[in-house]
């Protein structure tokens, strides 16, 4: 046993001795209604940042700062290792929470934490205060059981305050402080795992590009008897555009869309197949009645590893009761594209613009507007930092750790993009925790497994991964 590691029993004993105080502190933080989406709570979001900053100082971080943004503040903390050659790790999370009110269906006050059985109920218990906070006890357990006075890695934390309202200022914050945030790896603890009895690590997230396309025909709605069949109809043109989006095999038919996309390896397919996936149950959670998607791929592969194009909204012409026989003046469609590793959002924007141009009939004018894109991120299965996460988590849970990906998108990709560091996901939340829903909770035993995982992780990284500098 090296100084970087400690007997598992010593780590678990330390965590159990500090369990009650840890949960009391977390409950205190959860009482702060840090709802970033509601201006009335702006002062609470600031109070939440200040509370966390004070707690990180108490934990032992020698550098702790509250970083202002044009919106809500973020918290930065740094604790250098004694070894200059140790890897640098940046932990990401957020301290703001979703709106919550008793009338939404909560069984108790969402900002007065309640323990029922082995579950802690409160807004933010899982998303994301609980998962940020387990790092504080984790690093203390790491130090106490190894005799260290500083972590085995250069440890940094960045806890933003606007994730639940779109991370509007996050990328500019990361760009502004890129030198302070520089890291060899990023650990995102704003995520979950497959199930209580199936610990998993996520190895990637899809990116996102989205646009709105407006088609304009006549300068005003016109009579379909007097003019119908003799002038172009923008609603028909939008329908034809949407019909051209996919081929008969549900592949995106925009030329160049799959440029850079790699097929899964046999090993990746096999790892996904190890997960206890119940497609019927998944369909029920999707409130849908059949699966559908790109031919030749399983449902999990479609959601996690293949790019996709979706119609998010479509409209034009008369929408009221009865009939109104017109050729409408305009029509619109909103499209989103989920992207995977190898795809460039700038390339996607260009080819979508080119494709749209080829589907605009004479006499139709159009406008296409893209929102800010999110890049995909993917960490190779053999990356040494990922393997450290897997080993630490397997040690804490006492069972093999499986691999997943995430079909959605998030600010983690900005960290990878700006800092040039791989993103690793370490979360202990399970689907039943009810993120964004009434009665959000966290399983206390799993929360403490998160503590234990991080207590092992920093030593494992220091032993098994030396950065090139």
Protein backbone atom coordinates (compact mmCIF):
# COMPACT_ATOMS: atom_id res chain seq x y z
CA UNK A 1 0.00 0.00 0.00
CA UNK A 2 1.50 3.33 -1.07
CA UNK A 3 1.03 6.76 0.38
CA UNK A 4 -1.40 7.48 -2.47
CA UNK A 5 -3.68 4.67 -1.35
CA UNK A 6 -5.16 3.51 1.93
CA UNK A 7 -6.93 0.35 3.06
CA UNK A 8 -10.57 0.38 1.96
CA UNK A 9 -11.64 -0.29 5.54
CA UNK A 10 -9.90 2.89 6.75
CA UNK A 11 -11.62 4.97 4.08
CA UNK A 12 -15.04 3.53 4.89
CA UNK A 13 -14.53 4.02 8.61
CA UNK A 14 -13.56 7.67 8.08
CA UNK A 15 -16.62 8.28 5.89
CA UNK A 16 -18.96 6.63 8.39
CA UNK A 17 -17.50 8.74 11.23
CA UNK A 18 -18.20 11.92 9.27
CA UNK A 19 -21.47 10.88 7.65
CA UNK A 20 -23.82 12.76 9.99
CA UNK A 21 -21.92 16.07 9.78
CA UNK A 22 -21.64 15.71 6.00
CA UNK A 23 -25.39 15.24 5.60
CA UNK A 24 -26.12 18.12 8.00
CA UNK A 25 -23.89 20.44 5.95
CA UNK A 26 -25.49 19.31 2.69
CA UNK A 27 -28.95 19.94 4.13
CA UNK A 28 -27.90 23.46 5.08
CA UNK A 29 -26.83 24.12 1.48
CA UNK A 30 -30.02 22.58 0.08
CA UNK A 31 -32.08 25.06 2.12
CA UNK A 32 -30.75 27.88 -0.06
CA UNK A 33 -33.20 28.17 -3.01
CA UNK A 34 -30.58 28.91 -5.65
CA UNK A 35 -32.97 28.97 -8.64
CA UNK A 36 -30.98 30.65 -11.41
CA UNK A 37 -33.94 30.87 -13.81
CA UNK A 38 -35.97 33.12 -11.50
CA UNK A 39 -34.71 36.71 -11.01
CA UNK A 40 -36.35 36.82 -7.56
CA UNK A 41 -33.77 34.24 -6.43
CA UNK A 42 -30.66 36.04 -7.72
CA UNK A 43 -29.60 36.88 -4.16
CA UNK A 44 -30.08 33.23 -3.15
CA UNK A 45 -27.85 32.05 -6.00
CA UNK A 46 -25.15 34.46 -4.77
CA UNK A 47 -25.66 33.20 -1.22
CA UNK A 48 -25.29 29.62 -2.44
CA UNK A 49 -21.96 30.48 -4.11
CA UNK A 50 -20.72 32.17 -0.94
CA UNK A 51 -21.83 29.21 1.19
CA UNK A 52 -19.94 26.76 -1.02
CA UNK A 53 -16.85 28.96 -1.10
CA UNK A 54 -16.77 29.07 2.70
CA UNK A 55 -17.21 25.29 2.91
CA UNK A 56 -14.41 24.64 0.40
CA UNK A 57 -12.08 26.84 2.49
CA UNK A 58 -13.12 24.87 5.56
CA UNK A 59 -12.39 21.64 3.64
CA UNK A 60 -8.83 22.84 3.14
CA UNK A 61 -8.62 24.36 -0.34
CA UNK A 62 -5.99 27.12 -0.03
CA UNK A 63 -7.40 29.06 -2.99
CA UNK A 64 -11.15 29.67 -3.23
CA UNK A 65 -12.71 32.45 -5.31
CA UNK A 66 -16.24 33.45 -6.32
CA UNK A 67 -16.16 34.43 -9.99
CA UNK A 68 -18.73 36.96 -11.14
CA UNK A 69 -20.41 36.65 -14.54
CA UNK A 70 -23.00 38.90 -16.19
CA UNK A 71 -25.45 36.42 -14.66
CA UNK A 72 -24.96 34.15 -11.65
CA UNK A 73 -21.59 33.61 -9.94
CA UNK A 74 -19.40 30.52 -10.18
CA UNK A 75 -17.06 29.14 -7.53
CA UNK A 76 -13.44 28.23 -8.27
CA UNK A 77 -11.14 26.35 -5.91
CA UNK A 78 -7.60 25.02 -6.24
CA UNK A 79 -5.44 22.74 -4.11
CA UNK A 80 -1.97 21.97 -5.57
CA UNK A 81 -0.32 18.63 -4.97
CA UNK A 82 3.08 18.45 -3.28
CA UNK A 83 4.42 16.65 -6.37
CA UNK A 84 4.88 19.10 -9.29
CA UNK A 85 4.61 16.20 -11.75
CA UNK A 86 1.20 15.07 -10.54
CA UNK A 87 -1.67 15.32 -13.03
CA UNK A 88 -4.07 18.27 -12.78
CA UNK A 89 -7.77 17.45 -12.47
CA UNK A 90 -10.66 19.91 -12.74
CA UNK A 91 -13.97 18.89 -11.15
CA UNK A 92 -17.07 20.47 -12.72
CA UNK A 93 -20.56 20.81 -11.22
CA UNK A 94 -23.21 23.47 -10.61
CA UNK A 95 -24.81 24.98 -7.54
CA UNK A 96 -27.99 26.38 -9.08
CA UNK A 97 -31.19 24.33 -9.09
CA UNK A 98 -34.45 24.00 -10.99
CA UNK A 99 -37.54 25.91 -9.84
CA UNK A 100 -39.64 24.04 -7.27
CA UNK A 101 -42.85 24.75 -5.38
CA UNK A 102 -45.09 22.66 -3.15
CA UNK A 103 -48.01 22.95 -5.56
CA UNK A 104 -45.96 21.13 -8.20
CA UNK A 105 -46.67 17.91 -6.31
CA UNK A 106 -43.99 17.84 -3.61
CA UNK A 107 -44.79 15.85 -0.48
CA UNK A 108 -42.76 18.34 1.59
CA UNK A 109 -41.17 21.76 1.22
CA UNK A 110 -38.67 21.37 -1.66
CA UNK A 111 -36.17 23.58 0.17
CA UNK A 112 -36.50 21.91 3.55
CA UNK A 113 -34.55 18.64 3.21
CA UNK A 114 -36.26 15.53 4.55
CA UNK A 115 -34.79 12.06 5.06
CA UNK A 116 -37.23 9.23 4.39
CA UNK A 117 -35.67 5.83 4.86
CA UNK A 118 -32.29 6.07 3.18
CA UNK A 119 -33.27 8.86 0.81
CA UNK A 120 -32.64 12.57 1.14
CA UNK A 121 -35.41 14.59 -0.53
CA UNK A 122 -34.89 18.22 -1.59
CA UNK A 123 -34.45 20.25 -4.74
CA UNK A 124 -30.79 19.86 -5.71
CA UNK A 125 -30.21 16.72 -3.63
CA UNK A 126 -29.02 14.88 -6.75
CA UNK A 127 -28.91 17.66 -9.36
CA UNK A 128 -26.36 18.84 -8.50
CA UNK A 129 -25.53 19.94 -4.96
CA UNK A 130 -25.27 16.43 -3.56
CA UNK A 131 -22.90 15.36 -6.32
CA UNK A 132 -20.75 18.49 -5.97
CA UNK A 133 -20.63 18.17 -2.21
CA UNK A 134 -19.44 14.56 -2.06
CA UNK A 135 -16.08 15.82 -3.34
CA UNK A 136 -15.51 17.73 -0.08
CA UNK A 137 -15.70 14.67 2.15
CA UNK A 138 -13.95 12.58 -0.51
CA UNK A 139 -10.80 14.69 -0.52
CA UNK A 140 -10.77 14.83 3.29
CA UNK A 141 -11.02 11.01 3.44
CA UNK A 142 -8.22 10.79 0.87
CA UNK A 143 -5.96 12.99 3.02
CA UNK A 144 -6.85 11.54 6.40
CA UNK A 145 -6.28 7.92 5.38
CA UNK A 146 -3.04 8.46 3.42
CA UNK A 147 -1.37 10.91 5.81
CA UNK A 148 -1.09 13.51 3.07
CA UNK A 149 -1.38 17.25 3.66
CA UNK A 150 -2.36 17.92 0.03
CA UNK A 151 -4.17 15.80 -2.57
CA UNK A 152 -2.17 13.37 -4.70
CA UNK A 153 -3.23 15.38 -7.79
CA UNK A 154 -3.41 19.11 -8.47
CA UNK A 155 -7.10 19.45 -7.67
CA UNK A 156 -9.31 22.23 -9.02
CA UNK A 157 -13.08 22.76 -8.87
CA UNK A 158 -15.38 24.92 -11.00
CA UNK A 159 -18.98 25.05 -9.82
CA UNK A 160 -21.15 27.23 -12.04
CA UNK A 161 -24.38 29.00 -11.14
CA UNK A 162 -26.31 29.02 -14.42
CA UNK A 163 -26.45 25.41 -15.61
CA UNK A 164 -30.20 25.17 -15.03
CA UNK A 165 -30.81 28.28 -17.13
CA UNK A 166 -28.69 27.32 -20.12
CA UNK A 167 -25.10 28.03 -18.97
CA UNK A 168 -25.44 31.29 -20.89
CA UNK A 169 -22.13 32.80 -19.75
CA UNK A 170 -20.24 29.57 -19.10
CA UNK A 171 -18.11 29.31 -22.22
CA UNK A 172 -16.98 32.93 -21.97
CA UNK A 173 -16.15 32.34 -18.29
CA UNK A 174 -14.02 29.31 -19.20
CA UNK A 175 -12.29 31.24 -21.99
CA UNK A 176 -11.60 34.19 -19.69
CA UNK A 177 -10.03 31.96 -17.01
CA UNK A 178 -8.58 29.25 -19.28
CA UNK A 179 -5.10 29.63 -17.73
CA UNK A 180 -6.45 29.13 -14.19
CA UNK A 181 -8.63 26.21 -15.29
CA UNK A 182 -5.93 24.39 -17.29
CA UNK A 183 -6.13 20.66 -16.54
CA UNK A 184 -5.08 17.27 -17.83
CA UNK A 185 -8.57 15.87 -17.27
CA UNK A 186 -12.03 17.16 -16.35
CA UNK A 187 -14.29 15.22 -13.98
CA UNK A 188 -17.98 16.05 -14.44
CA UNK A 189 -20.11 15.23 -11.41
CA UNK A 190 -23.45 16.29 -12.86
CA UNK A 191 -24.49 12.94 -14.18
CA UNK A 192 -25.80 9.57 -13.18
CA UNK A 193 -25.38 5.85 -13.52
CA UNK A 194 -27.50 3.10 -15.01
CA UNK A 195 -29.08 1.73 -11.81
CA UNK A 196 -28.40 1.22 -8.11
CA UNK A 197 -27.04 -2.28 -8.75
CA UNK A 198 -25.28 -1.36 -12.01
CA UNK A 199 -22.56 1.27 -11.51
CA UNK A 200 -21.55 2.88 -14.79
CA UNK A 201 -19.32 5.59 -16.19
CA UNK A 202 -20.36 7.74 -19.12
CA UNK A 203 -17.69 8.12 -21.80
CA UNK A 204 -19.27 10.73 -24.05
CA UNK A 205 -22.07 13.14 -24.87
CA UNK A 206 -23.60 14.12 -28.17
CA UNK A 207 -23.25 17.66 -29.41
CA UNK A 208 -26.06 19.89 -30.63
CA UNK A 209 -26.69 22.21 -33.57
CA UNK A 210 -30.12 23.75 -34.04
CA UNK A 211 -31.76 26.11 -36.48
CA UNK A 212 -35.02 27.71 -37.53
CA UNK A 213 -35.94 27.98 -41.20
CA UNK A 214 -38.58 30.47 -42.38
CA UNK A 215 -40.12 30.21 -45.86
CA UNK A 216 -41.95 33.22 -47.31
CA UNK A 217 -44.24 33.07 -50.36
CA UNK A 218 -46.86 35.69 -51.17
CA UNK A 219 -46.63 38.96 -49.29
CA UNK A 220 -49.85 38.08 -47.47
CA UNK A 221 -52.25 35.16 -47.11
CA UNK A 222 -54.14 34.84 -50.41
CA UNK A 223 -57.31 33.11 -51.62
CA UNK A 224 -56.65 29.47 -52.53
CA UNK A 225 -59.45 29.52 -55.07
CA UNK A 226 -58.20 32.55 -56.95
CA UNK A 227 -54.49 31.70 -56.69
CA UNK A 228 -54.09 28.11 -55.44
CA UNK A 229 -52.26 25.82 -57.83
CA UNK A 230 -50.72 28.78 -59.64
CA UNK A 231 -48.23 30.18 -57.08
CA UNK A 232 -45.75 28.43 -54.75
CA UNK A 233 -47.04 27.56 -51.28
CA UNK A 234 -44.47 28.02 -48.47
CA UNK A 235 -46.22 25.44 -46.24
CA UNK A 236 -45.92 22.85 -49.01
CA UNK A 237 -42.28 23.82 -49.52
CA UNK A 238 -41.51 23.34 -45.80
CA UNK A 239 -43.28 19.96 -45.85
CA UNK A 240 -41.17 18.87 -48.83
CA UNK A 241 -38.03 20.05 -47.03
CA UNK A 242 -38.89 17.99 -43.96
CA UNK A 243 -39.73 14.98 -46.12
CA UNK A 244 -36.26 15.19 -47.65
CA UNK A 245 -34.52 15.17 -44.24
CA UNK A 246 -34.27 11.36 -43.98
CA UNK A 247 -34.02 8.49 -46.45
CA UNK A 248 -36.02 5.26 -46.34
CA UNK A 249 -33.57 3.78 -43.81
CA UNK A 250 -33.99 6.71 -41.38
CA UNK A 251 -30.52 8.00 -42.21
CA UNK A 252 -30.09 11.76 -42.43
CA UNK A 253 -30.10 12.54 -46.16
CA UNK A 254 -28.20 15.84 -46.03
CA UNK A 255 -25.06 15.37 -48.17
CA UNK A 256 -21.93 15.28 -46.00
CA UNK A 257 -23.82 14.82 -42.73
CA UNK A 258 -21.91 11.67 -41.70
CA UNK A 259 -18.48 13.06 -42.54
CA UNK A 260 -16.11 12.19 -39.67
CA UNK A 261 -18.49 9.72 -37.98
CA UNK A 262 -16.85 6.43 -36.98
CA UNK A 263 -18.59 3.10 -36.57
CA UNK A 264 -18.52 1.45 -33.17
CA UNK A 265 -15.82 -1.10 -32.54
CA UNK A 266 -16.79 -4.67 -31.70
CA UNK A 267 -15.63 -4.03 -28.12
CA UNK A 268 -17.84 -0.95 -27.75
CA UNK A 269 -20.86 -2.85 -29.05
CA UNK A 270 -20.11 -5.70 -26.65
CA UNK A 271 -19.83 -3.32 -23.68
CA UNK A 272 -23.21 -1.75 -24.45
CA UNK A 273 -24.70 -5.23 -24.79
CA UNK A 274 -23.63 -5.98 -21.19
CA UNK A 275 -26.12 -3.43 -19.86
CA UNK A 276 -29.47 -4.82 -18.63
CA UNK A 277 -31.49 -2.85 -21.19
CA UNK A 278 -35.25 -3.49 -21.29
CA UNK A 279 -36.54 -1.95 -24.51
CA UNK A 280 -40.21 -2.25 -23.52
CA UNK A 281 -39.55 -0.43 -20.26
CA UNK A 282 -37.52 2.19 -22.14
CA UNK A 283 -40.45 2.72 -24.53
CA UNK A 284 -42.79 3.23 -21.60
CA UNK A 285 -40.45 5.87 -20.14
CA UNK A 286 -40.42 7.52 -23.59
CA UNK A 287 -44.25 7.50 -23.60
CA UNK A 288 -43.96 6.02 -27.09
CA UNK A 289 -45.30 2.93 -28.86
CA UNK A 290 -42.52 1.78 -31.19
CA UNK A 291 -38.82 2.24 -31.65
CA UNK A 292 -37.59 3.95 -34.79
CA UNK A 293 -34.28 5.09 -36.14
CA UNK A 294 -31.28 4.50 -38.35
CA UNK A 295 -31.30 0.95 -39.73
CA UNK A 296 -28.58 -1.41 -38.53
CA UNK A 297 -28.27 0.03 -34.99
CA UNK A 298 -29.75 -0.85 -31.62
CA UNK A 299 -31.79 1.65 -29.63
CA UNK A 300 -28.90 2.45 -27.28
CA UNK A 301 -26.53 2.88 -30.22
CA UNK A 302 -28.99 5.27 -31.88
CA UNK A 303 -29.34 7.41 -28.76
CA UNK A 304 -25.71 7.39 -27.65
CA UNK A 305 -23.45 6.88 -30.65
CA UNK A 306 -25.23 7.93 -33.85
CA UNK A 307 -26.02 11.45 -35.02
CA UNK A 308 -29.66 12.38 -35.50
CA UNK A 309 -31.88 15.04 -37.04
CA UNK A 310 -35.24 15.91 -35.50
CA UNK A 311 -38.10 18.23 -36.35
CA UNK A 312 -38.77 20.15 -33.13
CA UNK A 313 -41.58 22.30 -34.48
CA UNK A 314 -43.36 22.96 -37.75
CA UNK A 315 -46.07 25.42 -38.67
CA UNK A 316 -47.61 27.74 -41.17
CA UNK A 317 -50.99 28.89 -42.41
CA UNK A 318 -54.32 28.75 -40.65
CA UNK A 319 -54.38 26.87 -37.32
CA UNK A 320 -57.82 27.83 -35.96
CA UNK A 321 -61.14 25.94 -35.92
CA UNK A 322 -62.92 25.21 -39.18
CA UNK A 323 -61.37 26.05 -42.53
CA UNK A 324 -59.76 29.09 -44.05
CA UNK A 325 -58.98 28.44 -47.69
CA UNK A 326 -55.71 30.29 -48.19
CA UNK A 327 -52.24 29.99 -49.58
CA UNK A 328 -50.31 31.11 -46.48
CA UNK A 329 -47.74 33.88 -46.67
CA UNK A 330 -45.16 31.94 -44.62
CA UNK A 331 -44.25 28.68 -42.93
CA UNK A 332 -41.45 27.56 -40.63
CA UNK A 333 -39.65 24.56 -39.23
CA UNK A 334 -37.30 24.19 -36.25
CA UNK A 335 -34.62 21.50 -36.64
CA UNK A 336 -32.06 20.09 -34.23
CA UNK A 337 -29.07 17.91 -35.00
CA UNK A 338 -27.48 15.72 -32.34
CA UNK A 339 -23.82 15.25 -33.22
CA UNK A 340 -21.24 12.62 -32.31
CA UNK A 341 -17.46 12.62 -32.07
CA UNK A 342 -15.88 13.51 -35.39
CA UNK A 343 -18.62 15.91 -36.45
CA UNK A 344 -17.93 19.64 -36.57
CA UNK A 345 -20.89 21.96 -35.83
CA UNK A 346 -19.51 24.57 -38.27
CA UNK A 347 -19.50 21.95 -41.04
CA UNK A 348 -23.05 20.90 -40.10
CA UNK A 349 -24.25 24.50 -40.32
CA UNK A 350 -22.69 24.91 -43.77
CA UNK A 351 -24.17 21.73 -45.25
CA UNK A 352 -27.62 22.41 -43.77
CA UNK A 353 -27.57 25.88 -45.33
CA UNK A 354 -26.49 24.41 -48.69
CA UNK A 355 -29.10 21.64 -48.48
CA UNK A 356 -31.85 24.13 -47.66
CA UNK A 357 -30.92 26.24 -50.67
CA UNK A 358 -31.40 23.25 -52.99
CA UNK A 359 -34.93 22.70 -51.61
CA UNK A 360 -36.23 26.24 -52.03
CA UNK A 361 -38.54 26.49 -55.06
CA UNK A 362 -38.67 29.57 -57.28
CA UNK A 363 -40.82 32.28 -55.78
CA UNK A 364 -40.03 31.32 -52.15
CA UNK A 365 -37.71 33.47 -50.06
CA UNK A 366 -36.13 31.99 -46.95
CA UNK A 367 -34.17 32.78 -43.79
CA UNK A 368 -32.21 30.27 -41.74
CA UNK A 369 -30.95 31.09 -38.24
CA UNK A 370 -28.63 28.91 -36.17
CA UNK A 371 -28.28 29.03 -32.39
CA UNK A 372 -24.92 28.60 -30.63
CA UNK A 373 -23.75 25.01 -31.03
CA UNK A 374 -22.47 22.49 -28.49
CA UNK A 375 -19.65 20.19 -29.57
CA UNK A 376 -19.75 16.45 -28.89
CA UNK A 377 -17.24 14.93 -26.49
CA UNK A 378 -15.91 11.38 -26.28
CA UNK A 379 -13.17 9.87 -24.11
CA UNK A 380 -11.39 6.77 -25.47
CA UNK A 381 -12.02 3.63 -23.43
CA UNK A 382 -8.30 3.10 -22.88
CA UNK A 383 -7.58 6.62 -21.60
CA UNK A 384 -5.58 6.29 -18.34
CA UNK A 385 -7.71 8.83 -16.48
CA UNK A 386 -10.92 7.02 -17.47
CA UNK A 387 -9.43 3.74 -16.28
CA UNK A 388 -8.63 5.37 -12.92
CA UNK A 389 -12.28 6.43 -12.58
CA UNK A 390 -13.43 2.91 -13.42
CA UNK A 391 -11.03 1.31 -10.91
CA UNK A 392 -11.95 3.75 -8.11
CA UNK A 393 -15.66 3.30 -8.70
CA UNK A 394 -15.36 -0.49 -8.90
CA UNK A 395 -13.44 -0.46 -5.63
CA UNK A 396 -16.12 1.62 -3.91
CA UNK A 397 -19.06 -0.39 -5.24
CA UNK A 398 -17.39 -3.79 -5.03
CA UNK A 399 -18.52 -4.83 -8.50
CA UNK A 400 -17.61 -4.31 -12.17
CA UNK A 401 -18.31 -0.92 -13.69
CA UNK A 402 -20.09 -0.79 -17.07
CA UNK A 403 -19.88 1.88 -19.75
CA UNK A 404 -22.57 4.22 -21.09
CA UNK A 405 -22.81 7.37 -23.14
CA UNK A 406 -25.24 10.28 -22.95
CA UNK A 407 -27.58 11.19 -25.80
CA UNK A 408 -28.07 14.74 -24.61
CA UNK A 409 -25.70 17.68 -24.60
CA UNK A 410 -24.19 19.87 -21.90
CA UNK A 411 -21.57 22.45 -20.95
CA UNK A 412 -18.98 19.71 -20.37
CA UNK A 413 -18.17 19.91 -24.08
CA UNK A 414 -17.12 23.56 -23.66
CA UNK A 415 -14.55 22.48 -21.08
CA UNK A 416 -13.13 19.89 -23.45
CA UNK A 417 -13.17 22.34 -26.34
CA UNK A 418 -11.55 25.30 -24.57
CA UNK A 419 -9.16 23.44 -22.25
CA UNK A 420 -8.26 20.61 -24.63
CA UNK A 421 -8.69 18.06 -21.84
CA UNK A 422 -10.67 14.80 -21.88
CA UNK A 423 -13.98 14.87 -20.01
CA UNK A 424 -14.78 12.05 -17.60
CA UNK A 425 -18.14 11.56 -15.93
CA UNK A 426 -18.37 10.56 -12.28
CA UNK A 427 -21.92 10.55 -10.97
CA UNK A 428 -23.91 8.38 -8.60
CA UNK A 429 -27.45 9.55 -9.35
CA UNK A 430 -29.99 6.99 -10.57
CA UNK A 431 -33.02 7.50 -12.85
CA UNK A 432 -35.48 7.34 -9.92
CA UNK A 433 -33.89 10.45 -8.34
CA UNK A 434 -36.32 12.63 -10.30
CA UNK A 435 -34.14 15.44 -11.59
CA UNK A 436 -36.27 18.53 -12.32
CA UNK A 437 -39.33 16.70 -10.92
CA UNK A 438 -41.30 16.91 -7.66
CA UNK A 439 -39.78 15.00 -4.71
CA UNK A 440 -36.26 14.97 -6.14
CA UNK A 441 -34.06 12.77 -3.95
CA UNK A 442 -30.67 11.16 -3.67
CA UNK A 443 -29.92 7.70 -2.31
CA UNK A 444 -27.72 8.37 0.72
CA UNK A 445 -25.80 5.10 0.34
CA UNK A 446 -24.95 5.98 -3.27
CA UNK A 447 -23.95 9.51 -2.25
CA UNK A 448 -21.45 7.99 0.17
CA UNK A 449 -20.22 5.67 -2.59
CA UNK A 450 -19.44 8.85 -4.51
CA UNK A 451 -17.44 10.07 -1.52
CA UNK A 452 -15.58 6.76 -1.38
CA UNK A 453 -14.88 6.75 -5.13
CA UNK A 454 -13.19 10.15 -4.98
CA UNK A 455 -11.25 9.13 -1.88
CA UNK A 456 -9.63 6.40 -4.02
CA UNK A 457 -9.53 8.29 -7.31
CA UNK A 458 -6.89 10.93 -6.64
CA UNK A 459 -4.32 8.40 -5.47
CA UNK A 460 -5.06 6.08 -8.40
CA UNK A 461 -4.58 8.91 -10.88
CA UNK A 462 -1.30 9.97 -9.28
CA UNK A 463 0.04 6.41 -9.39
CA UNK A 464 -1.08 5.48 -12.88
CA UNK A 465 -1.00 8.64 -14.94
CA UNK A 466 1.87 11.09 -15.20
CA UNK A 467 1.13 14.02 -17.48
CA UNK A 468 3.67 14.76 -20.19
CA UNK A 469 4.78 18.11 -18.80
